[in-house]
Amino acid sequence: MSRIVAAVVALILMTGSASIAIAEDGAGATQKQIDQRDPDVCGAGGAGCDPADVQRWKAVGNRLADLSSADLSQYAYGCAKHPDWKRDCETNPAAVLKRLGIEGY
């Protein structure tokens, strides 16, 4: 019985991990689009193929704060998705990250 439970739990965890990975890409990219990102064209992690507004917010975030690449990406996608956060996006990346549930800045 415990083998069945363990197998079911493992299956649930694997399915959830795939869903999270797809959802974290943001901006509506499909898994196929993510898989097709060419590192020679897009750079590491596909960052060069981010939408233009996300790339602009990444540039702003780089000027304003010393963020990890993951947090910079979250900040940029958050700012692109929430135009009503513009004031914080332009002046206070830590406030944006806090709104996204990321602490420590």
PDB file of N, CA and C in Angstrom:
ATOM      1  N   MET A   1       0.817  -1.194   0.000  1.00  0.00           N
ATOM      2  CA  MET A   1       0.000   0.000   0.000  1.00  0.00           C
ATOM      3  C   MET A   1       0.865   1.264   0.000  1.00  0.00           C
ATOM      4  N   SER A   2       1.936   1.265   0.796  1.00  0.00           N
ATOM      5  CA  SER A   2       2.770   2.462   0.872  1.00  0.00           C
ATOM      6  C   SER A   2       3.491   2.730  -0.451  1.00  0.00           C
ATOM      7  N   ARG A   3       3.766   1.686  -1.234  1.00  0.00           N
ATOM      8  CA  ARG A   3       4.389   1.902  -2.547  1.00  0.00           C
ATOM      9  C   ARG A   3       3.434   2.632  -3.481  1.00  0.00           C
ATOM     10  N   ILE A   4       2.177   2.305  -3.395  1.00  0.00           N
ATOM     11  CA  ILE A   4       1.177   2.969  -4.234  1.00  0.00           C
ATOM     12  C   ILE A   4       1.068   4.441  -3.835  1.00  0.00           C
ATOM     13  N   VAL A   5       1.001   4.690  -2.543  1.00  0.00           N
ATOM     14  CA  VAL A   5       0.916   6.069  -2.055  1.00  0.00           C
ATOM     15  C   VAL A   5       2.156   6.844  -2.482  1.00  0.00           C
ATOM     16  N   ALA A   6       3.336   6.252  -2.339  1.00  0.00           N
ATOM     17  CA  ALA A   6       4.575   6.917  -2.728  1.00  0.00           C
ATOM     18  C   ALA A   6       4.584   7.225  -4.227  1.00  0.00           C
ATOM     19  N   ALA A   7       4.093   6.286  -5.034  1.00  0.00           N
ATOM     20  CA  ALA A   7       4.046   6.498  -6.480  1.00  0.00           C
ATOM     21  C   ALA A   7       3.084   7.623  -6.837  1.00  0.00           C
ATOM     22  N   VAL A   8       1.949   7.666  -6.173  1.00  0.00           N
ATOM     23  CA  VAL A   8       0.965   8.724  -6.433  1.00  0.00           C
ATOM     24  C   VAL A   8       1.531  10.082  -6.029  1.00  0.00           C
ATOM     25  N   VAL A   9       2.178  10.154  -4.864  1.00  0.00           N
ATOM     26  CA  VAL A   9       2.778  11.414  -4.406  1.00  0.00           C
ATOM     27  C   VAL A   9       3.857  11.872  -5.388  1.00  0.00           C
ATOM     28  N   ALA A  10       4.688  10.952  -5.841  1.00  0.00           N
ATOM     29  CA  ALA A  10       5.742  11.304  -6.799  1.00  0.00           C
ATOM     30  C   ALA A  10       5.133  11.833  -8.095  1.00  0.00           C
ATOM     31  N   LEU A  11       4.082  11.201  -8.565  1.00  0.00           N
ATOM     32  CA  LEU A  11       3.424  11.641  -9.789  1.00  0.00           C
ATOM     33  C   LEU A  11       2.838  13.044  -9.617  1.00  0.00           C
ATOM     34  N   ILE A  12       2.214  13.301  -8.489  1.00  0.00           N
ATOM     35  CA  ILE A  12       1.641  14.624  -8.218  1.00  0.00           C
ATOM     36  C   ILE A  12       2.736  15.679  -8.175  1.00  0.00           C
ATOM     37  N   LEU A  13       3.841  15.372  -7.507  1.00  0.00           N
ATOM     38  CA  LEU A  13       4.946  16.331  -7.413  1.00  0.00           C
ATOM     39  C   LEU A  13       5.544  16.635  -8.779  1.00  0.00           C
ATOM     40  N   MET A  14       5.717  15.604  -9.605  1.00  0.00           N
ATOM     41  CA  MET A  14       6.287  15.826 -10.935  1.00  0.00           C
ATOM     42  C   MET A  14       5.342  16.654 -11.795  1.00  0.00           C
ATOM     43  N   THR A  15       4.071  16.391 -11.733  1.00  0.00           N
ATOM     44  CA  THR A  15       3.092  17.138 -12.513  1.00  0.00           C
ATOM     45  C   THR A  15       3.046  18.586 -12.056  1.00  0.00           C
ATOM     46  N   GLY A  16       3.057  18.809 -10.761  1.00  0.00           N
ATOM     47  CA  GLY A  16       3.043  20.167 -10.217  1.00  0.00           C
ATOM     48  C   GLY A  16       4.286  20.937 -10.589  1.00  0.00           C
ATOM     49  N   SER A  17       5.448  20.292 -10.575  1.00  0.00           N
ATOM     50  CA  SER A  17       6.701  20.962 -10.935  1.00  0.00           C
ATOM     51  C   SER A  17       6.676  21.425 -12.377  1.00  0.00           C
ATOM     52  N   ALA A  18       6.153  20.617 -13.259  1.00  0.00           N
ATOM     53  CA  ALA A  18       6.078  21.007 -14.665  1.00  0.00           C
ATOM     54  C   ALA A  18       5.143  22.191 -14.841  1.00  0.00           C
ATOM     55  N   SER A  19       4.026  22.189 -14.128  1.00  0.00           N
ATOM     56  CA  SER A  19       3.081  23.298 -14.235  1.00  0.00           C
ATOM     57  C   SER A  19       3.694  24.587 -13.720  1.00  0.00           C
ATOM     58  N   ILE A  20       4.417  24.516 -12.633  1.00  0.00           N
ATOM     59  CA  ILE A  20       5.060  25.696 -12.068  1.00  0.00           C
ATOM     60  C   ILE A  20       6.105  26.232 -13.029  1.00  0.00           C
ATOM     61  N   ALA A  21       6.902  25.354 -13.609  1.00  0.00           N
ATOM     62  CA  ALA A  21       7.943  25.792 -14.540  1.00  0.00           C
ATOM     63  C   ALA A  21       7.330  26.506 -15.737  1.00  0.00           C
ATOM     64  N   ILE A  22       6.209  26.007 -16.218  1.00  0.00           N
ATOM     65  CA  ILE A  22       5.550  26.640 -17.354  1.00  0.00           C
ATOM     66  C   ILE A  22       4.982  27.984 -16.922  1.00  0.00           C
ATOM     67  N   ALA A  23       4.341  28.041 -15.768  1.00  0.00           N
ATOM     68  CA  ALA A  23       3.710  29.267 -15.296  1.00  0.00           C
ATOM     69  C   ALA A  23       4.729  30.348 -14.992  1.00  0.00           C
ATOM     70  N   GLU A  24       5.901  29.996 -14.491  1.00  0.00           N
ATOM     71  CA  GLU A  24       6.886  30.992 -14.112  1.00  0.00           C
ATOM     72  C   GLU A  24       7.483  31.721 -15.301  1.00  0.00           C
ATOM     73  N   ASP A  25       7.366  31.168 -16.501  1.00  0.00           N
ATOM     74  CA  ASP A  25       7.927  31.855 -17.652  1.00  0.00           C
ATOM     75  C   ASP A  25       7.222  33.180 -17.896  1.00  0.00           C
ATOM     76  N   GLY A  26       5.975  33.266 -17.523  1.00  0.00           N
ATOM     77  CA  GLY A  26       5.227  34.515 -17.611  1.00  0.00           C
ATOM     78  C   GLY A  26       4.937  34.934 -19.038  1.00  0.00           C
ATOM     79  N   ALA A  27       4.209  36.030 -19.171  1.00  0.00           N
ATOM     80  CA  ALA A  27       3.885  36.658 -20.448  1.00  0.00           C
ATOM     81  C   ALA A  27       3.244  35.713 -21.453  1.00  0.00           C
ATOM     82  N   GLY A  28       2.695  34.598 -21.005  1.00  0.00           N
ATOM     83  CA  GLY A  28       1.925  33.734 -21.869  1.00  0.00           C
ATOM     84  C   GLY A  28       2.711  32.841 -22.811  1.00  0.00           C
ATOM     85  N   ALA A  29       3.997  32.656 -22.610  1.00  0.00           N
ATOM     86  CA  ALA A  29       4.778  31.772 -23.474  1.00  0.00           C
ATOM     87  C   ALA A  29       4.335  30.328 -23.263  1.00  0.00           C
ATOM     88  N   THR A  30       4.170  29.610 -24.358  1.00  0.00           N
ATOM     89  CA  THR A  30       3.814  28.198 -24.252  1.00  0.00           C
ATOM     90  C   THR A  30       5.068  27.375 -24.016  1.00  0.00           C
ATOM     91  N   GLN A  31       4.879  26.146 -23.579  1.00  0.00           N
ATOM     92  CA  GLN A  31       6.026  25.277 -23.354  1.00  0.00           C
ATOM     93  C   GLN A  31       6.807  25.076 -24.647  1.00  0.00           C
ATOM     94  N   LYS A  32       6.094  24.974 -25.777  1.00  0.00           N
ATOM     95  CA  LYS A  32       6.769  24.808 -27.068  1.00  0.00           C
ATOM     96  C   LYS A  32       7.647  26.020 -27.378  1.00  0.00           C
ATOM     97  N   GLN A  33       7.127  27.223 -27.116  1.00  0.00           N
ATOM     98  CA  GLN A  33       7.918  28.435 -27.355  1.00  0.00           C
ATOM     99  C   GLN A  33       9.145  28.476 -26.448  1.00  0.00           C
ATOM    100  N   ILE A  34       8.967  28.067 -25.220  1.00  0.00           N
ATOM    101  CA  ILE A  34      10.087  28.039 -24.277  1.00  0.00           C
ATOM    102  C   ILE A  34      11.147  27.053 -24.757  1.00  0.00           C
ATOM    103  N   ASP A  35      10.702  25.860 -25.175  1.00  0.00           N
ATOM    104  CA  ASP A  35      11.634  24.831 -25.639  1.00  0.00           C
ATOM    105  C   ASP A  35      12.377  25.256 -26.903  1.00  0.00           C
ATOM    106  N   GLN A  36      11.751  26.101 -27.719  1.00  0.00           N
ATOM    107  CA  GLN A  36      12.359  26.496 -28.985  1.00  0.00           C
ATOM    108  C   GLN A  36      13.304  27.683 -28.857  1.00  0.00           C
ATOM    109  N   ARG A  37      13.422  28.253 -27.685  1.00  0.00           N
ATOM    110  CA  ARG A  37      14.347  29.382 -27.518  1.00  0.00           C
ATOM    111  C   ARG A  37      15.768  28.908 -27.765  1.00  0.00           C
ATOM    112  N   ASP A  38      16.380  29.523 -28.722  1.00  0.00           N
ATOM    113  CA  ASP A  38      17.732  29.167 -29.116  1.00  0.00           C
ATOM    114  C   ASP A  38      18.722  29.992 -28.304  1.00  0.00           C
ATOM    115  N   PRO A  39      19.585  29.341 -27.481  1.00  0.00           N
ATOM    116  CA  PRO A  39      20.538  30.098 -26.676  1.00  0.00           C
ATOM    117  C   PRO A  39      21.493  30.950 -27.515  1.00  0.00           C
ATOM    118  N   ASP A  40      21.720  30.565 -28.769  1.00  0.00           N
ATOM    119  CA  ASP A  40      22.591  31.359 -29.630  1.00  0.00           C
ATOM    120  C   ASP A  40      21.911  32.660 -30.060  1.00  0.00           C
ATOM    121  N   VAL A  41      20.582  32.677 -30.019  1.00  0.00           N
ATOM    122  CA  VAL A  41      19.824  33.853 -30.404  1.00  0.00           C
ATOM    123  C   VAL A  41      19.351  34.612 -29.170  1.00  0.00           C
ATOM    124  N   CYS A  42      18.827  33.879 -28.195  1.00  0.00           N
ATOM    125  CA  CYS A  42      18.173  34.489 -27.036  1.00  0.00           C
ATOM    126  C   CYS A  42      19.092  34.690 -25.842  1.00  0.00           C
ATOM    127  N   GLY A  43      20.232  34.046 -25.826  1.00  0.00           N
ATOM    128  CA  GLY A  43      21.107  34.140 -24.662  1.00  0.00           C
ATOM    129  C   GLY A  43      20.698  33.146 -23.590  1.00  0.00           C
ATOM    130  N   ALA A  44      21.401  33.191 -22.486  1.00  0.00           N
ATOM    131  CA  ALA A  44      21.158  32.253 -21.389  1.00  0.00           C
ATOM    132  C   ALA A  44      19.741  32.404 -20.861  1.00  0.00           C
ATOM    133  N   GLY A  45      19.066  31.292 -20.708  1.00  0.00           N
ATOM    134  CA  GLY A  45      17.717  31.295 -20.154  1.00  0.00           C
ATOM    135  C   GLY A  45      16.682  31.967 -21.024  1.00  0.00           C
ATOM    136  N   GLY A  46      17.032  32.280 -22.267  1.00  0.00           N
ATOM    137  CA  GLY A  46      16.081  32.910 -23.170  1.00  0.00           C
ATOM    138  C   GLY A  46      15.816  34.371 -22.882  1.00  0.00           C
ATOM    139  N   ALA A  47      16.649  35.011 -22.052  1.00  0.00           N
ATOM    140  CA  ALA A  47      16.400  36.395 -21.640  1.00  0.00           C
ATOM    141  C   ALA A  47      16.340  37.366 -22.812  1.00  0.00           C
ATOM    142  N   GLY A  48      17.116  37.112 -23.846  1.00  0.00           N
ATOM    143  CA  GLY A  48      17.110  38.007 -24.999  1.00  0.00           C
ATOM    144  C   GLY A  48      15.831  37.928 -25.811  1.00  0.00           C
ATOM    145  N   CYS A  49      15.019  36.930 -25.564  1.00  0.00           N
ATOM    146  CA  CYS A  49      13.748  36.782 -26.266  1.00  0.00           C
ATOM    147  C   CYS A  49      12.575  37.217 -25.402  1.00  0.00           C
ATOM    148  N   ASP A  50      12.863  37.851 -24.261  1.00  0.00           N
ATOM    149  CA  ASP A  50      11.792  38.431 -23.452  1.00  0.00           C
ATOM    150  C   ASP A  50      11.119  39.527 -24.259  1.00  0.00           C
ATOM    151  N   PRO A  51       9.839  39.775 -24.003  1.00  0.00           N
ATOM    152  CA  PRO A  51       9.167  40.889 -24.680  1.00  0.00           C
ATOM    153  C   PRO A  51       9.903  42.213 -24.430  1.00  0.00           C
ATOM    154  N   ALA A  52       9.757  43.153 -25.324  1.00  0.00           N
ATOM    155  CA  ALA A  52      10.485  44.425 -25.243  1.00  0.00           C
ATOM    156  C   ALA A  52      10.214  45.168 -23.945  1.00  0.00           C
ATOM    157  N   ASP A  53       8.956  45.173 -23.482  1.00  0.00           N
ATOM    158  CA  ASP A  53       8.669  45.895 -22.243  1.00  0.00           C
ATOM    159  C   ASP A  53       9.362  45.257 -21.053  1.00  0.00           C
ATOM    160  N   VAL A  54       9.478  43.946 -21.044  1.00  0.00           N
ATOM    161  CA  VAL A  54      10.198  43.252 -19.966  1.00  0.00           C
ATOM    162  C   VAL A  54      11.679  43.593 -20.035  1.00  0.00           C
ATOM    163  N   GLN A  55      12.260  43.624 -21.220  1.00  0.00           N
ATOM    164  CA  GLN A  55      13.673  43.985 -21.358  1.00  0.00           C
ATOM    165  C   GLN A  55      13.929  45.409 -20.876  1.00  0.00           C
ATOM    166  N   ARG A  56      12.990  46.324 -21.163  1.00  0.00           N
ATOM    167  CA  ARG A  56      13.147  47.703 -20.678  1.00  0.00           C
ATOM    168  C   ARG A  56      13.126  47.748 -19.153  1.00  0.00           C
ATOM    169  N   TRP A  57      12.202  47.010 -18.526  1.00  0.00           N
ATOM    170  CA  TRP A  57      12.143  47.007 -17.060  1.00  0.00           C
ATOM    171  C   TRP A  57      13.373  46.338 -16.461  1.00  0.00           C
ATOM    172  N   LYS A  58      13.932  45.355 -17.153  1.00  0.00           N
ATOM    173  CA  LYS A  58      15.173  44.752 -16.655  1.00  0.00           C
ATOM    174  C   LYS A  58      16.294  45.789 -16.650  1.00  0.00           C
ATOM    175  N   ALA A  59      16.355  46.611 -17.681  1.00  0.00           N
ATOM    176  CA  ALA A  59      17.379  47.659 -17.736  1.00  0.00           C
ATOM    177  C   ALA A  59      17.190  48.651 -16.590  1.00  0.00           C
ATOM    178  N   VAL A  60      15.947  49.021 -16.312  1.00  0.00           N
ATOM    179  CA  VAL A  60      15.665  49.933 -15.193  1.00  0.00           C
ATOM    180  C   VAL A  60      16.067  49.275 -13.878  1.00  0.00           C
ATOM    181  N   GLY A  61      15.679  48.025 -13.692  1.00  0.00           N
ATOM    182  CA  GLY A  61      16.012  47.300 -12.468  1.00  0.00           C
ATOM    183  C   GLY A  61      17.506  47.179 -12.251  1.00  0.00           C
ATOM    184  N   ASN A  62      18.248  46.971 -13.323  1.00  0.00           N
ATOM    185  CA  ASN A  62      19.711  46.888 -13.206  1.00  0.00           C
ATOM    186  C   ASN A  62      20.330  48.206 -12.766  1.00  0.00           C
ATOM    187  N   ARG A  63      19.743  49.316 -13.202  1.00  0.00           N
ATOM    188  CA  ARG A  63      20.248  50.626 -12.786  1.00  0.00           C
ATOM    189  C   ARG A  63      19.912  50.924 -11.327  1.00  0.00           C
ATOM    190  N   LEU A  64      18.743  50.480 -10.885  1.00  0.00           N
ATOM    191  CA  LEU A  64      18.263  50.846  -9.552  1.00  0.00           C
ATOM    192  C   LEU A  64      18.772  49.968  -8.418  1.00  0.00           C
ATOM    193  N   ALA A  65      19.032  48.705  -8.692  1.00  0.00           N
ATOM    194  CA  ALA A  65      19.334  47.789  -7.594  1.00  0.00           C
ATOM    195  C   ALA A  65      20.229  46.652  -8.051  1.00  0.00           C
ATOM    196  N   ASP A  66      20.855  46.009  -7.083  1.00  0.00           N
ATOM    197  CA  ASP A  66      21.674  44.827  -7.325  1.00  0.00           C
ATOM    198  C   ASP A  66      20.819  43.605  -7.033  1.00  0.00           C
ATOM    199  N   LEU A  67      20.100  43.135  -8.050  1.00  0.00           N
ATOM    200  CA  LEU A  67      19.187  42.007  -7.893  1.00  0.00           C
ATOM    201  C   LEU A  67      19.776  40.755  -8.526  1.00  0.00           C
ATOM    202  N   SER A  68      19.412  39.610  -7.982  1.00  0.00           N
ATOM    203  CA  SER A  68      19.788  38.356  -8.638  1.00  0.00           C
ATOM    204  C   SER A  68      19.075  38.312  -9.981  1.00  0.00           C
ATOM    205  N   SER A  69      19.543  37.491 -10.891  1.00  0.00           N
ATOM    206  CA  SER A  69      18.906  37.423 -12.206  1.00  0.00           C
ATOM    207  C   SER A  69      17.459  36.952 -12.091  1.00  0.00           C
ATOM    208  N   ALA A  70      17.198  36.029 -11.177  1.00  0.00           N
ATOM    209  CA  ALA A  70      15.829  35.533 -10.995  1.00  0.00           C
ATOM    210  C   ALA A  70      14.924  36.648 -10.470  1.00  0.00           C
ATOM    211  N   ASP A  71      15.404  37.397  -9.469  1.00  0.00           N
ATOM    212  CA  ASP A  71      14.597  38.477  -8.913  1.00  0.00           C
ATOM    213  C   ASP A  71      14.430  39.617  -9.909  1.00  0.00           C
ATOM    214  N   LEU A  72      15.466  39.893 -10.695  1.00  0.00           N
ATOM    215  CA  LEU A  72      15.368  40.919 -11.732  1.00  0.00           C
ATOM    216  C   LEU A  72      14.279  40.541 -12.734  1.00  0.00           C
ATOM    217  N   SER A  73      14.245  39.286 -13.116  1.00  0.00           N
ATOM    218  CA  SER A  73      13.233  38.817 -14.051  1.00  0.00           C
ATOM    219  C   SER A  73      11.834  38.947 -13.451  1.00  0.00           C
ATOM    220  N   GLN A  74      11.672  38.553 -12.193  1.00  0.00           N
ATOM    221  CA  GLN A  74      10.372  38.672 -11.532  1.00  0.00           C
ATOM    222  C   GLN A  74       9.942  40.140 -11.473  1.00  0.00           C
ATOM    223  N   TYR A  75      10.865  41.004 -11.103  1.00  0.00           N
ATOM    224  CA  TYR A  75      10.607  42.453 -11.049  1.00  0.00           C
ATOM    225  C   TYR A  75      10.143  42.958 -12.421  1.00  0.00           C
ATOM    226  N   ALA A  76      10.887  42.610 -13.465  1.00  0.00           N
ATOM    227  CA  ALA A  76      10.588  43.108 -14.810  1.00  0.00           C
ATOM    228  C   ALA A  76       9.236  42.611 -15.309  1.00  0.00           C
ATOM    229  N   TYR A  77       8.962  41.332 -15.130  1.00  0.00           N
ATOM    230  CA  TYR A  77       7.668  40.803 -15.561  1.00  0.00           C
ATOM    231  C   TYR A  77       6.542  41.413 -14.732  1.00  0.00           C
ATOM    232  N   GLY A  78       6.775  41.620 -13.432  1.00  0.00           N
ATOM    233  CA  GLY A  78       5.764  42.249 -12.586  1.00  0.00           C
ATOM    234  C   GLY A  78       5.450  43.661 -13.046  1.00  0.00           C
ATOM    235  N   CYS A  79       6.488  44.436 -13.348  1.00  0.00           N
ATOM    236  CA  CYS A  79       6.292  45.811 -13.806  1.00  0.00           C
ATOM    237  C   CYS A  79       5.591  45.846 -15.161  1.00  0.00           C
ATOM    238  N   ALA A  80       5.950  44.922 -16.038  1.00  0.00           N
ATOM    239  CA  ALA A  80       5.312  44.876 -17.352  1.00  0.00           C
ATOM    240  C   ALA A  80       3.833  44.497 -17.237  1.00  0.00           C
ATOM    241  N   LYS A  81       3.523  43.644 -16.300  1.00  0.00           N
ATOM    242  CA  LYS A  81       2.147  43.156 -16.134  1.00  0.00           C
ATOM    243  C   LYS A  81       1.268  44.150 -15.372  1.00  0.00           C
ATOM    244  N   HIS A  82       1.856  44.967 -14.527  1.00  0.00           N
ATOM    245  CA  HIS A  82       1.087  45.870 -13.664  1.00  0.00           C
ATOM    246  C   HIS A  82       1.485  47.324 -13.899  1.00  0.00           C
ATOM    247  N   PRO A  83       0.947  47.960 -14.929  1.00  0.00           N
ATOM    248  CA  PRO A  83       1.292  49.358 -15.198  1.00  0.00           C
ATOM    249  C   PRO A  83       0.962  50.285 -14.023  1.00  0.00           C
ATOM    250  N   ASP A  84       0.012  49.891 -13.185  1.00  0.00           N
ATOM    251  CA  ASP A  84      -0.348  50.705 -12.025  1.00  0.00           C
ATOM    252  C   ASP A  84       0.757  50.719 -10.965  1.00  0.00           C
ATOM    253  N   TRP A  85       1.762  49.878 -11.106  1.00  0.00           N
ATOM    254  CA  TRP A  85       2.898  49.861 -10.185  1.00  0.00           C
ATOM    255  C   TRP A  85       4.031  50.754 -10.686  1.00  0.00           C
ATOM    256  N   LYS A  86       3.805  51.514 -11.730  1.00  0.00           N
ATOM    257  CA  LYS A  86       4.875  52.249 -12.415  1.00  0.00           C
ATOM    258  C   LYS A  86       5.737  53.071 -11.450  1.00  0.00           C
ATOM    259  N   ARG A  87       5.118  53.759 -10.516  1.00  0.00           N
ATOM    260  CA  ARG A  87       5.898  54.601  -9.600  1.00  0.00           C
ATOM    261  C   ARG A  87       6.918  53.774  -8.821  1.00  0.00           C
ATOM    262  N   ASP A  88       6.464  52.650  -8.242  1.00  0.00           N
ATOM    263  CA  ASP A  88       7.403  51.782  -7.526  1.00  0.00           C
ATOM    264  C   ASP A  88       8.413  51.162  -8.477  1.00  0.00           C
ATOM    265  N   CYS A  89       7.972  50.796  -9.664  1.00  0.00           N
ATOM    266  CA  CYS A  89       8.888  50.189 -10.631  1.00  0.00           C
ATOM    267  C   CYS A  89      10.024  51.146 -11.002  1.00  0.00           C
ATOM    268  N   GLU A  90       9.711  52.427 -11.061  1.00  0.00           N
ATOM    269  CA  GLU A  90      10.715  53.417 -11.451  1.00  0.00           C
ATOM    270  C   GLU A  90      11.615  53.861 -10.305  1.00  0.00           C
ATOM    271  N   THR A  91      11.202  53.588  -9.064  1.00  0.00           N
ATOM    272  CA  THR A  91      11.965  54.109  -7.931  1.00  0.00           C
ATOM    273  C   THR A  91      12.317  53.098  -6.851  1.00  0.00           C
ATOM    274  N   ASN A  92      11.557  52.012  -6.736  1.00  0.00           N
ATOM    275  CA  ASN A  92      11.711  51.132  -5.582  1.00  0.00           C
ATOM    276  C   ASN A  92      11.502  49.656  -5.933  1.00  0.00           C
ATOM    277  N   PRO A  93      12.503  49.021  -6.533  1.00  0.00           N
ATOM    278  CA  PRO A  93      12.359  47.609  -6.887  1.00  0.00           C
ATOM    279  C   PRO A  93      12.024  46.712  -5.693  1.00  0.00           C
ATOM    280  N   ALA A  94      12.511  47.068  -4.502  1.00  0.00           N
ATOM    281  CA  ALA A  94      12.216  46.251  -3.319  1.00  0.00           C
ATOM    282  C   ALA A  94      10.714  46.218  -3.042  1.00  0.00           C
ATOM    283  N   ALA A  95      10.029  47.335  -3.260  1.00  0.00           N
ATOM    284  CA  ALA A  95       8.577  47.375  -3.049  1.00  0.00           C
ATOM    285  C   ALA A  95       7.857  46.479  -4.058  1.00  0.00           C
ATOM    286  N   VAL A  96       8.347  46.480  -5.287  1.00  0.00           N
ATOM    287  CA  VAL A  96       7.757  45.623  -6.321  1.00  0.00           C
ATOM    288  C   VAL A  96       7.945  44.158  -5.940  1.00  0.00           C
ATOM    289  N   LEU A  97       9.167  43.814  -5.554  1.00  0.00           N
ATOM    290  CA  LEU A  97       9.443  42.423  -5.177  1.00  0.00           C
ATOM    291  C   LEU A  97       8.605  42.011  -3.970  1.00  0.00           C
ATOM    292  N   LYS A  98       8.417  42.911  -3.039  1.00  0.00           N
ATOM    293  CA  LYS A  98       7.593  42.604  -1.866  1.00  0.00           C
ATOM    294  C   LYS A  98       6.155  42.313  -2.296  1.00  0.00           C
ATOM    295  N   ARG A  99       5.633  43.086  -3.235  1.00  0.00           N
ATOM    296  CA  ARG A  99       4.280  42.834  -3.754  1.00  0.00           C
ATOM    297  C   ARG A  99       4.190  41.448  -4.383  1.00  0.00           C
ATOM    298  N   LEU A 100       5.307  40.985  -4.926  1.00  0.00           N
ATOM    299  CA  LEU A 100       5.342  39.663  -5.571  1.00  0.00           C
ATOM    300  C   LEU A 100       5.651  38.547  -4.574  1.00  0.00           C
ATOM    301  N   GLY A 101       5.832  38.914  -3.300  1.00  0.00           N
ATOM    302  CA  GLY A 101       6.112  37.918  -2.269  1.00  0.00           C
ATOM    303  C   GLY A 101       7.578  37.577  -2.107  1.00  0.00           C
ATOM    304  N   ILE A 102       8.462  38.418  -2.650  1.00  0.00           N
ATOM    305  CA  ILE A 102       9.907  38.181  -2.559  1.00  0.00           C
ATOM    306  C   ILE A 102      10.468  39.143  -1.532  1.00  0.00           C
ATOM    307  N   GLU A 103      11.013  38.618  -0.459  1.00  0.00           N
ATOM    308  CA  GLU A 103      11.541  39.431   0.639  1.00  0.00           C
ATOM    309  C   GLU A 103      13.066  39.413   0.611  1.00  0.00           C
ATOM    310  N   GLY A 104      13.687  40.300   1.396  1.00  0.00           N
ATOM    311  CA  GLY A 104      15.127  40.277   1.568  1.00  0.00           C
ATOM    312  C   GLY A 104      15.856  41.439   0.925  1.00  0.00           C
ATOM    313  N   TYR A 105      15.130  42.381   0.357  1.00  0.00           N
ATOM    314  CA  TYR A 105      15.770  43.548  -0.265  1.00  0.00           C
ATOM    315  C   TYR A 105      15.399  44.798   0.490  1.00  0.00           C
TER     316      TYR A 105
END
